[in-house]
Amino acid sequence: MVKRVLVAYFLWAVGGPLGLHHLYLGRDSHALLWMLTLGGFGLGWVREVVRIPAYVTEANRHAATEGKHRGAAPPPASPVRFAGQVCVGIYFGTVALIGLSSLHFFYLIVLPLSVGAGVHLVSNVGPQTSDLHKTLTACLVTSPIFYGSALSPLPISLAASVTAAQHRRFKPPRAPGSQQKLGPRLYRLSLAWLAFSAPLGYCIFHNTTATLYYLSDSIAALLDIFWFLPWLRGALEYALLMPYRVLCALTGGGYHEEAWRKVLEILLKEYTQREKEALQVLALEADASVEEITRSYRELAKTWHPDHNPSKDAEQTFMKVQQAYEVLLRRHKPHRFK
């Protein structure tokens, strides 16, 4: 079926950030990328206003054009594609850090595979692709070097992007009529979207405090890189805090030096479900201080310690008390606001 430029522009206008026009043109990798990044963080969607005619022309060539790519030289290097690979790799790695960092061997396996998946997704956009195995190998080799660092997605993504760029090639040709029906395509895209969003959704709804703590620590680590250029550090912090400044201007509130602390205090005002359960375990009120939390924990730990309590439920209750204390302590860690 011949693709129409007007239809592509209409889908770009009404659902471009979700990749509807790419789905219409059979560019499933591009559609998935837009679904997961909301149109390439908005920038890619805007850029496509002048790219859609070329996309439509490419989609209408079908197997004839793809056949010419067989045995051809590698496609030309693209700075835009390389920048997209780095950014999406970091994005996928950050999502993994937020939602999956509690898994065993996270920094050795889960994180590099997540970053590699993001880089390869960008590599697979359009008629191009890359060597997935070599991209993932670069991630697995780089990840142990930056083990445990909050900024580890950056060097891993750079290594993977360089490897993907070195091994770029055109996709193999497809036989005429091999385009699959819309139903199976949507099914695969839905599974990919669910695999990406499920860990992040779980962390946001059940561990909001840890998520915000990680984001604040990552921002602080990013700013600390520019310690030798105070003016640049100040400019970056000013830009990152711009939404908060706008909010203060709209609501009449005042901006002060402890802006990050104020933002986090607002976001963390409500207890998560896990924290509410921890308060019940320690028999505390919602406004309990760190001293009250520590005092209640010590009393209950002394009561339920297996060495002092011979009951069958002692060990299990003691573990619950210890876990509850750790959950509440993370919420009140003072060093995160310094």
Protein backbone atom coordinates (compact mmCIF):
# COMPACT_ATOMS: atom_id res chain seq x y z
CA MET A 1 0.00 0.00 0.00
CA VAL A 2 1.35 3.40 -1.02
CA LYS A 3 2.10 5.69 1.91
CA ARG A 4 0.86 9.29 1.80
CA VAL A 5 2.75 12.34 3.00
CA LEU A 6 -0.43 14.05 4.24
CA VAL A 7 -1.40 11.01 6.32
CA ALA A 8 2.09 10.84 7.81
CA TYR A 9 1.97 14.54 8.72
CA PHE A 10 -1.47 14.12 10.29
CA LEU A 11 -0.25 11.23 12.45
CA TRP A 12 2.88 13.21 13.30
CA ALA A 13 0.71 16.08 14.52
CA VAL A 14 -1.78 14.05 16.59
CA GLY A 15 0.48 11.30 17.92
CA GLY A 16 4.01 12.05 16.82
CA PRO A 17 5.64 11.73 20.28
CA LEU A 18 4.15 8.23 20.46
CA GLY A 19 5.49 7.24 17.05
CA LEU A 20 2.17 6.85 15.21
CA HIS A 21 3.60 8.14 11.91
CA HIS A 22 6.52 5.71 12.15
CA LEU A 23 4.12 2.87 12.84
CA TYR A 24 2.17 3.87 9.72
CA LEU A 25 5.36 3.90 7.64
CA GLY A 26 6.51 0.49 8.92
CA ARG A 27 9.43 1.93 10.91
CA ASP A 28 8.76 -0.15 14.03
CA SER A 29 12.16 0.45 15.67
CA HIS A 30 11.69 4.18 15.28
CA ALA A 31 8.13 3.93 16.61
CA LEU A 32 9.31 2.01 19.70
CA LEU A 33 12.07 4.54 20.30
CA TRP A 34 9.56 7.38 20.19
CA MET A 35 7.18 5.52 22.52
CA LEU A 36 9.89 5.05 25.12
CA THR A 37 11.37 8.55 24.86
CA LEU A 38 8.24 10.57 23.97
CA GLY A 39 9.49 11.57 20.58
CA GLY A 40 13.19 11.61 21.31
CA PHE A 41 12.62 13.79 24.38
CA GLY A 42 10.58 16.12 22.17
CA LEU A 43 13.56 17.24 20.10
CA GLY A 44 13.41 14.39 17.62
CA TRP A 45 9.69 14.88 17.04
CA VAL A 46 10.17 18.57 16.20
CA ARG A 47 13.10 17.78 13.91
CA GLU A 48 10.94 15.40 11.88
CA VAL A 49 8.76 18.16 10.49
CA VAL A 50 11.24 18.39 7.59
CA ARG A 51 12.12 14.67 7.53
CA ILE A 52 8.71 13.11 6.93
CA PRO A 53 8.73 13.37 3.08
CA ALA A 54 12.02 11.46 3.03
CA TYR A 55 10.57 8.85 5.39
CA VAL A 56 7.54 8.40 3.11
CA THR A 57 9.73 8.07 0.01
CA GLU A 58 11.87 5.48 1.76
CA ALA A 59 8.80 3.50 2.89
CA ASN A 60 7.40 3.42 -0.66
CA ARG A 61 10.56 1.95 -2.15
CA HIS A 62 10.11 -1.33 -0.26
CA ALA A 63 12.38 -4.22 -1.21
CA ALA A 64 13.75 -2.59 -4.37
CA THR A 65 15.75 -0.02 -2.45
CA GLU A 66 16.74 -2.45 0.29
CA GLY A 67 18.11 -4.84 -2.29
CA LYS A 68 20.57 -2.23 -3.48
CA HIS A 69 22.07 -2.13 0.00
CA ARG A 70 23.21 -5.74 -0.15
CA GLY A 71 27.00 -5.79 -0.16
CA ALA A 72 27.18 -1.99 -0.26
CA ALA A 73 29.60 0.09 1.76
CA PRO A 74 28.57 1.02 5.33
CA PRO A 75 26.16 3.94 5.62
CA PRO A 76 27.75 7.33 6.31
CA ALA A 77 28.38 8.26 9.93
CA SER A 78 25.78 10.55 11.47
CA PRO A 79 26.58 12.85 14.43
CA VAL A 80 22.85 13.06 15.19
CA ARG A 81 22.51 9.29 15.36
CA PHE A 82 25.63 9.01 17.52
CA ALA A 83 24.33 11.66 19.94
CA GLY A 84 21.00 9.83 20.04
CA GLN A 85 22.73 6.56 20.84
CA VAL A 86 24.61 8.12 23.75
CA CYS A 87 21.54 9.89 25.16
CA VAL A 88 19.20 6.91 24.87
CA GLY A 89 21.85 4.59 26.31
CA ILE A 90 22.16 6.88 29.34
CA TYR A 91 18.37 7.07 29.57
CA PHE A 92 17.94 3.29 29.54
CA GLY A 93 20.74 2.92 32.08
CA THR A 94 19.18 5.49 34.40
CA VAL A 95 15.82 3.75 34.23
CA ALA A 96 17.54 0.47 35.09
CA LEU A 97 19.34 2.11 38.03
CA ILE A 98 16.05 3.43 39.36
CA GLY A 99 14.00 0.27 38.95
CA LEU A 100 16.39 -2.70 39.00
CA SER A 101 19.46 -1.73 41.05
CA SER A 102 18.48 -4.12 43.86
CA LEU A 103 19.10 -7.16 41.63
CA HIS A 104 22.20 -9.28 42.12
CA PHE A 105 25.01 -8.65 39.62
CA PHE A 106 23.23 -5.45 38.55
CA TYR A 107 26.38 -3.51 37.60
CA LEU A 108 27.92 -6.53 35.91
CA ILE A 109 24.97 -7.76 33.84
CA VAL A 110 21.69 -5.83 34.13
CA LEU A 111 23.03 -2.29 33.69
CA PRO A 112 25.29 -2.98 30.67
CA LEU A 113 22.55 -4.97 28.95
CA SER A 114 20.07 -2.12 29.54
CA VAL A 115 22.44 0.52 28.16
CA GLY A 116 23.31 -1.71 25.21
CA ALA A 117 19.63 -2.22 24.41
CA GLY A 118 19.10 1.55 24.28
CA VAL A 119 22.12 2.13 22.04
CA HIS A 120 21.16 -0.69 19.68
CA LEU A 121 17.57 0.57 19.43
CA VAL A 122 18.84 3.86 18.03
CA SER A 123 21.30 1.97 15.78
CA ASN A 124 18.37 0.03 14.34
CA VAL A 125 16.33 3.08 13.30
CA GLY A 126 15.63 3.40 9.58
CA PRO A 127 17.50 1.33 6.98
CA GLN A 128 20.56 0.98 9.22
CA THR A 129 21.53 -1.44 11.95
CA SER A 130 24.63 -2.53 13.83
CA ASP A 131 26.24 -5.57 15.43
CA LEU A 132 24.25 -6.23 18.60
CA HIS A 133 26.71 -8.75 20.01
CA LYS A 134 29.69 -6.40 19.74
CA THR A 135 27.68 -3.52 21.20
CA LEU A 136 26.68 -5.60 24.22
CA THR A 137 30.24 -6.89 24.60
CA ALA A 138 31.51 -3.32 24.79
CA CYS A 139 28.95 -2.61 27.53
CA LEU A 140 29.87 -5.72 29.52
CA VAL A 141 33.59 -4.91 29.33
CA THR A 142 33.16 -1.24 30.30
CA SER A 143 30.66 -1.68 33.15
CA PRO A 144 33.02 -3.28 35.76
CA ILE A 145 35.44 -0.36 35.38
CA PHE A 146 32.80 2.04 36.74
CA TYR A 147 31.22 -0.43 39.16
CA GLY A 148 28.87 1.25 41.67
CA SER A 149 29.10 4.77 40.21
CA ALA A 150 25.89 6.78 39.81
CA LEU A 151 27.29 8.12 36.52
CA SER A 152 28.26 4.71 35.11
CA PRO A 153 25.62 4.82 32.31
CA LEU A 154 27.59 7.66 30.64
CA PRO A 155 30.91 5.86 29.95
CA ILE A 156 29.10 2.60 29.17
CA SER A 157 26.88 4.37 26.65
CA LEU A 158 29.86 6.12 25.06
CA ALA A 159 31.73 2.84 24.63
CA ALA A 160 28.64 1.14 23.18
CA SER A 161 27.92 4.04 20.81
CA VAL A 162 31.47 4.07 19.47
CA THR A 163 31.30 0.30 18.90
CA ALA A 164 27.91 0.54 17.21
CA ALA A 165 29.14 3.33 14.93
CA GLN A 166 32.19 1.29 13.92
CA HIS A 167 30.04 -1.70 12.95
CA ARG A 168 27.13 0.11 11.30
CA ARG A 169 25.65 -1.43 8.16
CA PHE A 170 22.50 -1.48 6.09
CA LYS A 171 19.75 -3.89 7.05
CA PRO A 172 19.43 -6.98 4.86
CA PRO A 173 16.74 -6.78 2.15
CA ARG A 174 13.27 -8.07 2.77
CA ALA A 175 11.29 -10.10 0.28
CA PRO A 176 8.32 -8.35 -1.34
CA GLY A 177 5.16 -8.78 0.72
CA SER A 178 7.05 -9.73 3.85
CA GLN A 179 5.64 -6.82 5.87
CA GLN A 180 3.74 -8.31 8.81
CA LYS A 181 0.21 -7.36 9.76
CA LEU A 182 -0.48 -4.57 12.20
CA GLY A 183 -1.70 -6.88 14.99
CA PRO A 184 1.53 -8.86 15.52
CA ARG A 185 3.57 -5.67 15.18
CA LEU A 186 1.55 -3.92 17.88
CA TYR A 187 1.85 -7.02 20.08
CA ARG A 188 5.65 -6.98 19.91
CA LEU A 189 5.82 -3.26 20.50
CA SER A 190 3.52 -3.59 23.52
CA LEU A 191 5.71 -6.30 25.05
CA ALA A 192 8.81 -4.15 24.56
CA TRP A 193 7.10 -1.12 26.10
CA LEU A 194 5.90 -3.19 29.05
CA ALA A 195 9.38 -4.64 29.64
CA PHE A 196 10.79 -1.11 29.73
CA SER A 197 8.13 0.57 31.86
CA ALA A 198 7.19 -2.14 34.37
CA PRO A 199 10.33 -1.89 36.60
CA LEU A 200 10.19 1.90 36.51
CA GLY A 201 6.47 1.95 37.32
CA TYR A 202 6.94 -0.43 40.24
CA CYS A 203 9.74 1.69 41.67
CA ILE A 204 7.81 4.95 41.29
CA PHE A 205 4.65 3.67 42.96
CA HIS A 206 6.22 1.51 45.68
CA ASN A 207 9.57 3.09 46.36
CA THR A 208 9.16 6.78 45.58
CA THR A 209 11.61 7.92 48.23
CA ALA A 210 14.49 5.79 46.95
CA THR A 211 13.76 6.93 43.39
CA LEU A 212 13.94 10.60 44.31
CA TYR A 213 17.02 10.02 46.44
CA TYR A 214 18.78 8.40 43.50
CA LEU A 215 17.82 11.25 41.17
CA SER A 216 19.03 13.86 43.65
CA ASP A 217 22.31 11.97 44.17
CA SER A 218 22.82 11.69 40.40
CA ILE A 219 22.24 15.42 39.92
CA ALA A 220 24.66 16.22 42.74
CA ALA A 221 27.29 13.88 41.25
CA LEU A 222 26.82 15.46 37.82
CA LEU A 223 27.29 18.97 39.20
CA ASP A 224 30.34 17.91 41.22
CA ILE A 225 32.14 17.01 37.98
CA PHE A 226 32.47 20.73 37.25
CA TRP A 227 33.99 21.68 40.61
CA PHE A 228 36.94 23.27 38.80
CA LEU A 229 34.58 25.56 36.82
CA PRO A 230 32.30 27.14 39.44
CA TRP A 231 30.60 29.38 36.88
CA LEU A 232 29.66 26.38 34.71
CA ARG A 233 28.43 24.44 37.74
CA GLY A 234 26.32 27.41 38.77
CA ALA A 235 24.89 27.77 35.26
CA LEU A 236 23.93 24.09 35.12
CA GLU A 237 22.30 24.23 38.55
CA TYR A 238 20.44 27.37 37.52
CA ALA A 239 19.09 25.60 34.41
CA LEU A 240 18.11 22.46 36.34
CA LEU A 241 16.28 24.55 38.94
CA MET A 242 14.45 26.63 36.34
CA PRO A 243 11.15 24.70 36.74
CA TYR A 244 11.29 25.39 40.48
CA ARG A 245 11.96 29.09 39.84
CA VAL A 246 8.98 29.25 37.49
CA LEU A 247 6.81 27.53 40.10
CA CYS A 248 7.89 30.08 42.72
CA ALA A 249 7.06 32.93 40.36
CA LEU A 250 3.61 31.55 39.60
CA THR A 251 2.71 30.78 43.21
CA GLY A 252 4.31 33.83 44.80
CA GLY A 253 6.78 31.77 46.79
CA GLY A 254 10.32 32.88 47.46
CA TYR A 255 13.45 31.29 46.06
CA HIS A 256 16.24 30.61 48.52
CA GLU A 257 19.62 28.91 48.59
CA GLU A 258 18.28 25.58 49.87
CA ALA A 259 16.15 25.08 46.78
CA TRP A 260 17.02 21.41 46.34
CA ARG A 261 16.08 20.69 49.93
CA LYS A 262 12.76 22.48 49.51
CA VAL A 263 11.96 20.61 46.31
CA LEU A 264 12.70 17.24 47.90
CA GLU A 265 10.76 18.11 51.04
CA ILE A 266 7.71 18.86 48.91
CA LEU A 267 8.08 15.71 46.84
CA LEU A 268 8.75 13.51 49.88
CA LYS A 269 6.02 14.99 52.03
CA GLU A 270 3.76 11.98 51.62
CA TYR A 271 4.87 8.60 52.92
CA THR A 272 4.98 5.70 50.48
CA GLN A 273 3.06 2.52 51.24
CA ARG A 274 6.26 0.78 52.31
CA GLU A 275 7.06 3.60 54.72
CA LYS A 276 3.55 3.51 56.17
CA GLU A 277 3.98 -0.20 56.87
CA ALA A 278 7.36 0.52 58.48
CA LEU A 279 5.72 3.08 60.79
CA GLN A 280 3.18 0.46 61.86
CA VAL A 281 5.91 -2.09 62.59
CA LEU A 282 7.74 0.37 64.83
CA ALA A 283 4.47 1.70 66.33
CA LEU A 284 5.23 5.29 65.33
CA GLU A 285 3.24 8.30 64.20
CA ALA A 286 3.76 9.93 60.80
CA ASP A 287 5.60 12.89 62.31
CA ALA A 288 8.13 10.77 64.24
CA SER A 289 11.63 12.20 64.40
CA VAL A 290 14.87 10.33 63.76
CA GLU A 291 15.46 10.08 67.51
CA GLU A 292 12.02 8.54 68.06
CA ILE A 293 12.55 6.09 65.21
CA THR A 294 15.92 5.01 66.60
CA ARG A 295 14.58 4.67 70.14
CA SER A 296 11.62 2.54 69.05
CA TYR A 297 13.87 0.37 66.91
CA ARG A 298 16.31 -0.30 69.75
CA GLU A 299 13.53 -1.23 72.15
CA LEU A 300 11.83 -3.59 69.70
CA ALA A 301 15.13 -5.07 68.53
CA LYS A 302 16.08 -5.84 72.11
CA THR A 303 12.68 -7.44 72.71
CA TRP A 304 12.59 -9.58 69.57
CA HIS A 305 16.27 -10.48 69.15
CA PRO A 306 16.48 -14.28 68.73
CA ASP A 307 19.22 -14.49 71.35
CA HIS A 308 16.87 -13.05 73.98
CA ASN A 309 13.47 -14.23 72.74
CA PRO A 310 12.91 -18.01 72.36
CA SER A 311 9.53 -17.71 70.57
CA LYS A 312 9.07 -19.07 67.05
CA ASP A 313 8.21 -15.67 65.57
CA ALA A 314 11.18 -13.87 67.13
CA GLU A 315 13.54 -14.09 64.18
CA GLN A 316 10.91 -13.10 61.61
CA THR A 317 9.69 -10.18 63.71
CA PHE A 318 13.23 -9.04 64.37
CA MET A 319 13.90 -8.96 60.62
CA LYS A 320 10.74 -6.90 60.04
CA VAL A 321 11.80 -4.43 62.71
CA GLN A 322 15.27 -4.10 61.18
CA GLN A 323 13.91 -3.62 57.66
CA ALA A 324 11.38 -1.04 58.87
CA TYR A 325 14.14 0.90 60.60
CA GLU A 326 16.27 0.94 57.43
CA VAL A 327 13.32 2.14 55.33
CA LEU A 328 12.55 5.05 57.64
CA LEU A 329 16.20 5.90 58.15
CA ARG A 330 16.71 6.32 54.40
CA ARG A 331 13.90 8.86 54.35
CA HIS A 332 15.52 10.97 57.06
CA LYS A 333 19.17 10.74 55.99
CA PRO A 334 20.40 14.29 56.61
CA HIS A 335 23.42 14.19 54.33
CA ARG A 336 21.26 14.06 51.25
CA PHE A 337 20.14 17.62 51.82
CA LYS A 338 23.54 19.14 52.41
